[in-house]
């Protein structure tokens, strides 16, 4: 299994906390604000990496369908 970068782990942990609190996933903009990563393209790239590594999944073209499939721990 690939080791996550610091940023990838930060985003995944932020996702886990947000979903645990709100019971639905954040938008890219909300995730950007929560992590302090100003670029939505960077958020997108990190999420795609997490999906490639099997940590998250989502339904293309549908909002708020992001699911955590494996935790950061």
PDB file of N, CA and C in Angstrom:
ATOM      1  N   UNK A   1       0.837  -1.173   0.000  1.00  0.00           N
ATOM      2  CA  UNK A   1       0.000   0.000   0.000  1.00  0.00           C
ATOM      3  C   UNK A   1       0.887   1.243   0.000  1.00  0.00           C
ATOM      4  N   UNK A   2       0.486   2.219  -0.743  1.00  0.00           N
ATOM      5  CA  UNK A   2       1.240   3.464  -0.822  1.00  0.00           C
ATOM      6  C   UNK A   2       1.049   4.288   0.435  1.00  0.00           C
ATOM      7  N   UNK A   3       2.106   4.932   0.839  1.00  0.00           N
ATOM      8  CA  UNK A   3       2.044   5.836   1.981  1.00  0.00           C
ATOM      9  C   UNK A   3       1.509   7.184   1.504  1.00  0.00           C
ATOM     10  N   UNK A   4       0.604   7.750   2.272  1.00  0.00           N
ATOM     11  CA  UNK A   4       0.017   9.035   1.913  1.00  0.00           C
ATOM     12  C   UNK A   4       0.985  10.162   2.227  1.00  0.00           C
ATOM     13  N   UNK A   5       0.931  11.202   1.391  1.00  0.00           N
ATOM     14  CA  UNK A   5       1.697  12.403   1.677  1.00  0.00           C
ATOM     15  C   UNK A   5       1.041  13.126   2.850  1.00  0.00           C
ATOM     16  N   UNK A   6       1.737  14.091   3.390  1.00  0.00           N
ATOM     17  CA  UNK A   6       1.196  14.875   4.505  1.00  0.00           C
ATOM     18  C   UNK A   6      -0.110  15.550   4.107  1.00  0.00           C
ATOM     19  N   UNK A   7      -0.126  16.138   2.924  1.00  0.00           N
ATOM     20  CA  UNK A   7      -1.342  16.827   2.447  1.00  0.00           C
ATOM     21  C   UNK A   7      -2.495  15.848   2.231  1.00  0.00           C
ATOM     22  N   UNK A   8      -2.206  14.703   1.637  1.00  0.00           N
ATOM     23  CA  UNK A   8      -3.245  13.700   1.402  1.00  0.00           C
ATOM     24  C   UNK A   8      -3.834  13.234   2.728  1.00  0.00           C
ATOM     25  N   UNK A   9      -2.978  12.963   3.709  1.00  0.00           N
ATOM     26  CA  UNK A   9      -3.441  12.530   5.029  1.00  0.00           C
ATOM     27  C   UNK A   9      -4.276  13.635   5.685  1.00  0.00           C
ATOM     28  N   UNK A  10      -3.832  14.886   5.563  1.00  0.00           N
ATOM     29  CA  UNK A  10      -4.564  16.014   6.126  1.00  0.00           C
ATOM     30  C   UNK A  10      -5.962  16.114   5.516  1.00  0.00           C
ATOM     31  N   UNK A  11      -6.048  15.992   4.206  1.00  0.00           N
ATOM     32  CA  UNK A  11      -7.347  16.076   3.529  1.00  0.00           C
ATOM     33  C   UNK A  11      -8.237  14.904   3.950  1.00  0.00           C
ATOM     34  N   UNK A  12      -7.697  13.704   3.995  1.00  0.00           N
ATOM     35  CA  UNK A  12      -8.486  12.536   4.383  1.00  0.00           C
ATOM     36  C   UNK A  12      -8.980  12.661   5.820  1.00  0.00           C
ATOM     37  N   UNK A  13      -8.125  13.087   6.732  1.00  0.00           N
ATOM     38  CA  UNK A  13      -8.547  13.260   8.124  1.00  0.00           C
ATOM     39  C   UNK A  13      -9.600  14.355   8.257  1.00  0.00           C
ATOM     40  N   UNK A  14      -9.456  15.419   7.478  1.00  0.00           N
ATOM     41  CA  UNK A  14     -10.450  16.496   7.476  1.00  0.00           C
ATOM     42  C   UNK A  14     -11.787  15.972   6.961  1.00  0.00           C
ATOM     43  N   UNK A  15     -11.749  15.167   5.914  1.00  0.00           N
ATOM     44  CA  UNK A  15     -12.970  14.542   5.383  1.00  0.00           C
ATOM     45  C   UNK A  15     -13.640  13.674   6.438  1.00  0.00           C
ATOM     46  N   UNK A  16     -12.839  12.861   7.110  1.00  0.00           N
ATOM     47  CA  UNK A  16     -13.388  11.968   8.135  1.00  0.00           C
ATOM     48  C   UNK A  16     -14.090  12.760   9.230  1.00  0.00           C
ATOM     49  N   UNK A  17     -13.471  13.831   9.717  1.00  0.00           N
ATOM     50  CA  UNK A  17     -14.064  14.656  10.768  1.00  0.00           C
ATOM     51  C   UNK A  17     -15.330  15.348  10.280  1.00  0.00           C
ATOM     52  N   UNK A  18     -15.289  15.884   9.063  1.00  0.00           N
ATOM     53  CA  UNK A  18     -16.441  16.610   8.517  1.00  0.00           C
ATOM     54  C   UNK A  18     -17.638  15.671   8.366  1.00  0.00           C
ATOM     55  N   UNK A  19     -17.400  14.505   7.800  1.00  0.00           N
ATOM     56  CA  UNK A  19     -18.498  13.544   7.594  1.00  0.00           C
ATOM     57  C   UNK A  19     -19.039  13.048   8.933  1.00  0.00           C
ATOM     58  N   UNK A  20     -18.170  12.810   9.907  1.00  0.00           N
ATOM     59  CA  UNK A  20     -18.616  12.358  11.221  1.00  0.00           C
ATOM     60  C   UNK A  20     -19.510  13.407  11.889  1.00  0.00           C
ATOM     61  N   UNK A  21     -19.196  14.676  11.678  1.00  0.00           N
ATOM     62  CA  UNK A  21     -19.960  15.761  12.289  1.00  0.00           C
ATOM     63  C   UNK A  21     -21.237  16.078  11.525  1.00  0.00           C
ATOM     64  N   UNK A  22     -21.142  16.135  10.188  1.00  0.00           N
ATOM     65  CA  UNK A  22     -22.263  16.621   9.373  1.00  0.00           C
ATOM     66  C   UNK A  22     -23.069  15.527   8.682  1.00  0.00           C
ATOM     67  N   UNK A  23     -22.539  14.324   8.628  1.00  0.00           N
ATOM     68  CA  UNK A  23     -23.198  13.177   7.994  1.00  0.00           C
ATOM     69  C   UNK A  23     -23.360  13.307   6.478  1.00  0.00           C
ATOM     70  N   UNK A  24     -22.584  14.185   5.887  1.00  0.00           N
ATOM     71  CA  UNK A  24     -22.488  14.309   4.434  1.00  0.00           C
ATOM     72  C   UNK A  24     -21.122  14.921   4.118  1.00  0.00           C
ATOM     73  N   UNK A  25     -20.611  14.701   2.914  1.00  0.00           N
ATOM     74  CA  UNK A  25     -19.266  15.189   2.579  1.00  0.00           C
ATOM     75  C   UNK A  25     -19.250  16.683   2.249  1.00  0.00           C
ATOM     76  N   UNK A  26     -18.086  17.312   2.406  1.00  0.00           N
ATOM     77  CA  UNK A  26     -17.962  18.736   2.074  1.00  0.00           C
ATOM     78  C   UNK A  26     -17.835  18.955   0.572  1.00  0.00           C
ATOM     79  N   UNK A  27     -18.102  20.175   0.158  1.00  0.00           N
ATOM     80  CA  UNK A  27     -17.834  20.564  -1.222  1.00  0.00           C
ATOM     81  C   UNK A  27     -16.335  20.844  -1.347  1.00  0.00           C
ATOM     82  N   UNK A  28     -15.855  20.987  -2.572  1.00  0.00           N
ATOM     83  CA  UNK A  28     -14.450  21.340  -2.778  1.00  0.00           C
ATOM     84  C   UNK A  28     -14.122  22.649  -2.067  1.00  0.00           C
ATOM     85  N   UNK A  29     -15.007  23.624  -2.174  1.00  0.00           N
ATOM     86  CA  UNK A  29     -14.771  24.930  -1.556  1.00  0.00           C
ATOM     87  C   UNK A  29     -14.701  24.805  -0.033  1.00  0.00           C
ATOM     88  N   UNK A  30     -15.616  24.049   0.552  1.00  0.00           N
ATOM     89  CA  UNK A  30     -15.578  23.845   2.000  1.00  0.00           C
ATOM     90  C   UNK A  30     -14.300  23.116   2.415  1.00  0.00           C
ATOM     91  N   UNK A  31     -13.917  22.098   1.659  1.00  0.00           N
ATOM     92  CA  UNK A  31     -12.700  21.357   1.956  1.00  0.00           C
ATOM     93  C   UNK A  31     -11.480  22.261   1.826  1.00  0.00           C
ATOM     94  N   UNK A  32     -11.500  23.134   0.850  1.00  0.00           N
ATOM     95  CA  UNK A  32     -10.423  24.093   0.655  1.00  0.00           C
ATOM     96  C   UNK A  32     -10.295  25.017   1.871  1.00  0.00           C
ATOM     97  N   UNK A  33     -11.422  25.518   2.357  1.00  0.00           N
ATOM     98  CA  UNK A  33     -11.415  26.399   3.530  1.00  0.00           C
ATOM     99  C   UNK A  33     -10.957  25.666   4.781  1.00  0.00           C
ATOM    100  N   UNK A  34     -11.399  24.431   4.955  1.00  0.00           N
ATOM    101  CA  UNK A  34     -11.048  23.652   6.144  1.00  0.00           C
ATOM    102  C   UNK A  34      -9.573  23.284   6.199  1.00  0.00           C
ATOM    103  N   UNK A  35      -8.971  23.038   5.049  1.00  0.00           N
ATOM    104  CA  UNK A  35      -7.578  22.605   5.014  1.00  0.00           C
ATOM    105  C   UNK A  35      -6.606  23.750   4.778  1.00  0.00           C
ATOM    106  N   UNK A  36      -7.119  24.899   4.338  1.00  0.00           N
ATOM    107  CA  UNK A  36      -6.241  26.021   4.035  1.00  0.00           C
ATOM    108  C   UNK A  36      -5.543  25.885   2.695  1.00  0.00           C
ATOM    109  N   UNK A  37      -6.021  24.977   1.870  1.00  0.00           N
ATOM    110  CA  UNK A  37      -5.479  24.804   0.514  1.00  0.00           C
ATOM    111  C   UNK A  37      -6.339  25.665  -0.406  1.00  0.00           C
ATOM    112  N   UNK A  38      -5.792  26.755  -0.932  1.00  0.00           N
ATOM    113  CA  UNK A  38      -6.624  27.714  -1.659  1.00  0.00           C
ATOM    114  C   UNK A  38      -7.077  27.278  -3.052  1.00  0.00           C
ATOM    115  N   UNK A  39      -6.418  26.332  -3.656  1.00  0.00           N
ATOM    116  CA  UNK A  39      -6.716  25.961  -5.033  1.00  0.00           C
ATOM    117  C   UNK A  39      -7.644  24.757  -5.110  1.00  0.00           C
ATOM    118  N   UNK A  40      -8.772  24.937  -5.803  1.00  0.00           N
ATOM    119  CA  UNK A  40      -9.687  23.803  -5.970  1.00  0.00           C
ATOM    120  C   UNK A  40      -9.077  22.729  -6.868  1.00  0.00           C
ATOM    121  N   UNK A  41      -8.169  23.116  -7.745  1.00  0.00           N
ATOM    122  CA  UNK A  41      -7.518  22.101  -8.585  1.00  0.00           C
ATOM    123  C   UNK A  41      -6.572  21.243  -7.746  1.00  0.00           C
ATOM    124  N   UNK A  42      -5.950  21.812  -6.723  1.00  0.00           N
ATOM    125  CA  UNK A  42      -5.112  21.024  -5.821  1.00  0.00           C
ATOM    126  C   UNK A  42      -5.972  20.070  -5.013  1.00  0.00           C
ATOM    127  N   UNK A  43      -7.113  20.540  -4.531  1.00  0.00           N
ATOM    128  CA  UNK A  43      -8.051  19.678  -3.808  1.00  0.00           C
ATOM    129  C   UNK A  43      -8.483  18.536  -4.726  1.00  0.00           C
ATOM    130  N   UNK A  44      -8.815  18.851  -5.956  1.00  0.00           N
ATOM    131  CA  UNK A  44      -9.226  17.834  -6.921  1.00  0.00           C
ATOM    132  C   UNK A  44      -8.130  16.801  -7.138  1.00  0.00           C
ATOM    133  N   UNK A  45      -6.901  17.263  -7.312  1.00  0.00           N
ATOM    134  CA  UNK A  45      -5.775  16.347  -7.540  1.00  0.00           C
ATOM    135  C   UNK A  45      -5.564  15.424  -6.340  1.00  0.00           C
ATOM    136  N   UNK A  46      -5.666  15.979  -5.138  1.00  0.00           N
ATOM    137  CA  UNK A  46      -5.503  15.168  -3.929  1.00  0.00           C
ATOM    138  C   UNK A  46      -6.625  14.144  -3.823  1.00  0.00           C
ATOM    139  N   UNK A  47      -7.858  14.555  -4.072  1.00  0.00           N
ATOM    140  CA  UNK A  47      -8.988  13.625  -4.000  1.00  0.00           C
ATOM    141  C   UNK A  47      -8.868  12.516  -5.041  1.00  0.00           C
ATOM    142  N   UNK A  48      -8.404  12.852  -6.238  1.00  0.00           N
ATOM    143  CA  UNK A  48      -8.205  11.830  -7.260  1.00  0.00           C
ATOM    144  C   UNK A  48      -7.110  10.851  -6.849  1.00  0.00           C
ATOM    145  N   UNK A  49      -6.066  11.341  -6.212  1.00  0.00           N
ATOM    146  CA  UNK A  49      -5.019  10.454  -5.705  1.00  0.00           C
ATOM    147  C   UNK A  49      -5.583   9.535  -4.626  1.00  0.00           C
ATOM    148  N   UNK A  50      -6.372  10.105  -3.713  1.00  0.00           N
ATOM    149  CA  UNK A  50      -6.980   9.291  -2.661  1.00  0.00           C
ATOM    150  C   UNK A  50      -7.922   8.242  -3.251  1.00  0.00           C
ATOM    151  N   UNK A  51      -8.606   8.594  -4.317  1.00  0.00           N
ATOM    152  CA  UNK A  51      -9.473   7.614  -4.983  1.00  0.00           C
ATOM    153  C   UNK A  51      -8.637   6.521  -5.634  1.00  0.00           C
ATOM    154  N   UNK A  52      -7.550   6.905  -6.289  1.00  0.00           N
ATOM    155  CA  UNK A  52      -6.671   5.918  -6.920  1.00  0.00           C
ATOM    156  C   UNK A  52      -6.074   4.956  -5.904  1.00  0.00           C
ATOM    157  N   UNK A  53      -5.820   5.450  -4.680  1.00  0.00           N
ATOM    158  CA  UNK A  53      -5.250   4.610  -3.622  1.00  0.00           C
ATOM    159  C   UNK A  53      -6.312   3.823  -2.859  1.00  0.00           C
ATOM    160  N   UNK A  54      -7.597   4.058  -3.178  1.00  0.00           N
ATOM    161  CA  UNK A  54      -8.675   3.302  -2.560  1.00  0.00           C
ATOM    162  C   UNK A  54      -9.209   3.870  -1.258  1.00  0.00           C
ATOM    163  N   UNK A  55      -8.892   5.124  -0.938  1.00  0.00           N
ATOM    164  CA  UNK A  55      -9.351   5.728   0.305  1.00  0.00           C
ATOM    165  C   UNK A  55     -10.729   6.371   0.184  1.00  0.00           C
ATOM    166  N   UNK A  56     -11.080   6.849  -0.998  1.00  0.00           N
ATOM    167  CA  UNK A  56     -12.378   7.481  -1.209  1.00  0.00           C
ATOM    168  C   UNK A  56     -12.943   7.032  -2.557  1.00  0.00           C
ATOM    169  N   UNK A  57     -14.246   7.236  -2.712  1.00  0.00           N
ATOM    170  CA  UNK A  57     -14.893   7.005  -4.010  1.00  0.00           C
ATOM    171  C   UNK A  57     -16.037   8.003  -4.125  1.00  0.00           C
ATOM    172  N   UNK A  58     -16.523   8.180  -5.337  1.00  0.00           N
ATOM    173  CA  UNK A  58     -17.660   9.061  -5.564  1.00  0.00           C
ATOM    174  C   UNK A  58     -18.287   8.728  -6.903  1.00  0.00           C
ATOM    175  N   UNK A  59     -19.518   9.216  -7.100  1.00  0.00           N
ATOM    176  CA  UNK A  59     -20.224   9.068  -8.366  1.00  0.00           C
ATOM    177  C   UNK A  59     -19.916  10.296  -9.207  1.00  0.00           C
ATOM    178  N   UNK A  60     -19.303  10.075 -10.355  1.00  0.00           N
ATOM    179  CA  UNK A  60     -18.945  11.192 -11.248  1.00  0.00           C
ATOM    180  C   UNK A  60     -20.177  12.024 -11.603  1.00  0.00           C
ATOM    181  N   UNK A  61     -20.021  13.327 -11.526  1.00  0.00           N
ATOM    182  CA  UNK A  61     -21.062  14.247 -11.961  1.00  0.00           C
ATOM    183  C   UNK A  61     -22.197  14.444 -10.975  1.00  0.00           C
ATOM    184  N   UNK A  62     -22.126  13.812  -9.820  1.00  0.00           N
ATOM    185  CA  UNK A  62     -23.183  13.974  -8.825  1.00  0.00           C
ATOM    186  C   UNK A  62     -22.595  14.631  -7.579  1.00  0.00           C
ATOM    187  N   UNK A  63     -23.211  15.695  -7.096  1.00  0.00           N
ATOM    188  CA  UNK A  63     -22.665  16.410  -5.937  1.00  0.00           C
ATOM    189  C   UNK A  63     -22.806  15.627  -4.636  1.00  0.00           C
ATOM    190  N   UNK A  64     -21.836  15.806  -3.764  1.00  0.00           N
ATOM    191  CA  UNK A  64     -21.839  15.253  -2.407  1.00  0.00           C
ATOM    192  C   UNK A  64     -22.023  13.743  -2.357  1.00  0.00           C
ATOM    193  N   UNK A  65     -21.407  13.034  -3.274  1.00  0.00           N
ATOM    194  CA  UNK A  65     -21.460  11.571  -3.260  1.00  0.00           C
ATOM    195  C   UNK A  65     -20.147  10.964  -2.795  1.00  0.00           C
ATOM    196  N   UNK A  66     -19.227  11.789  -2.330  1.00  0.00           N
ATOM    197  CA  UNK A  66     -17.927  11.320  -1.860  1.00  0.00           C
ATOM    198  C   UNK A  66     -18.128  10.396  -0.662  1.00  0.00           C
ATOM    199  N   UNK A  67     -17.484   9.224  -0.705  1.00  0.00           N
ATOM    200  CA  UNK A  67     -17.532   8.260   0.385  1.00  0.00           C
ATOM    201  C   UNK A  67     -16.122   7.878   0.794  1.00  0.00           C
ATOM    202  N   UNK A  68     -15.899   7.774   2.069  1.00  0.00           N
ATOM    203  CA  UNK A  68     -14.615   7.321   2.583  1.00  0.00           C
ATOM    204  C   UNK A  68     -14.671   5.800   2.628  1.00  0.00           C
ATOM    205  N   UNK A  69     -13.743   5.148   1.932  1.00  0.00           N
ATOM    206  CA  UNK A  69     -13.745   3.687   1.877  1.00  0.00           C
ATOM    207  C   UNK A  69     -12.668   3.060   2.744  1.00  0.00           C
ATOM    208  N   UNK A  70     -11.699   3.878   3.157  1.00  0.00           N
ATOM    209  CA  UNK A  70     -10.614   3.405   4.009  1.00  0.00           C
ATOM    210  C   UNK A  70     -10.151   4.598   4.841  1.00  0.00           C
ATOM    211  N   UNK A  71      -9.931   4.398   6.141  1.00  0.00           N
ATOM    212  CA  UNK A  71      -9.547   5.514   7.001  1.00  0.00           C
ATOM    213  C   UNK A  71      -8.046   5.785   6.934  1.00  0.00           C
ATOM    214  N   UNK A  72      -7.660   6.933   7.434  1.00  0.00           N
ATOM    215  CA  UNK A  72      -6.260   7.353   7.429  1.00  0.00           C
ATOM    216  C   UNK A  72      -5.421   6.559   8.415  1.00  0.00           C
ATOM    217  N   UNK A  73      -6.022   5.976   9.425  1.00  0.00           N
ATOM    218  CA  UNK A  73      -5.269   5.257  10.467  1.00  0.00           C
ATOM    219  C   UNK A  73      -4.520   4.066   9.940  1.00  0.00           C
TER     220      UNK A  73
END
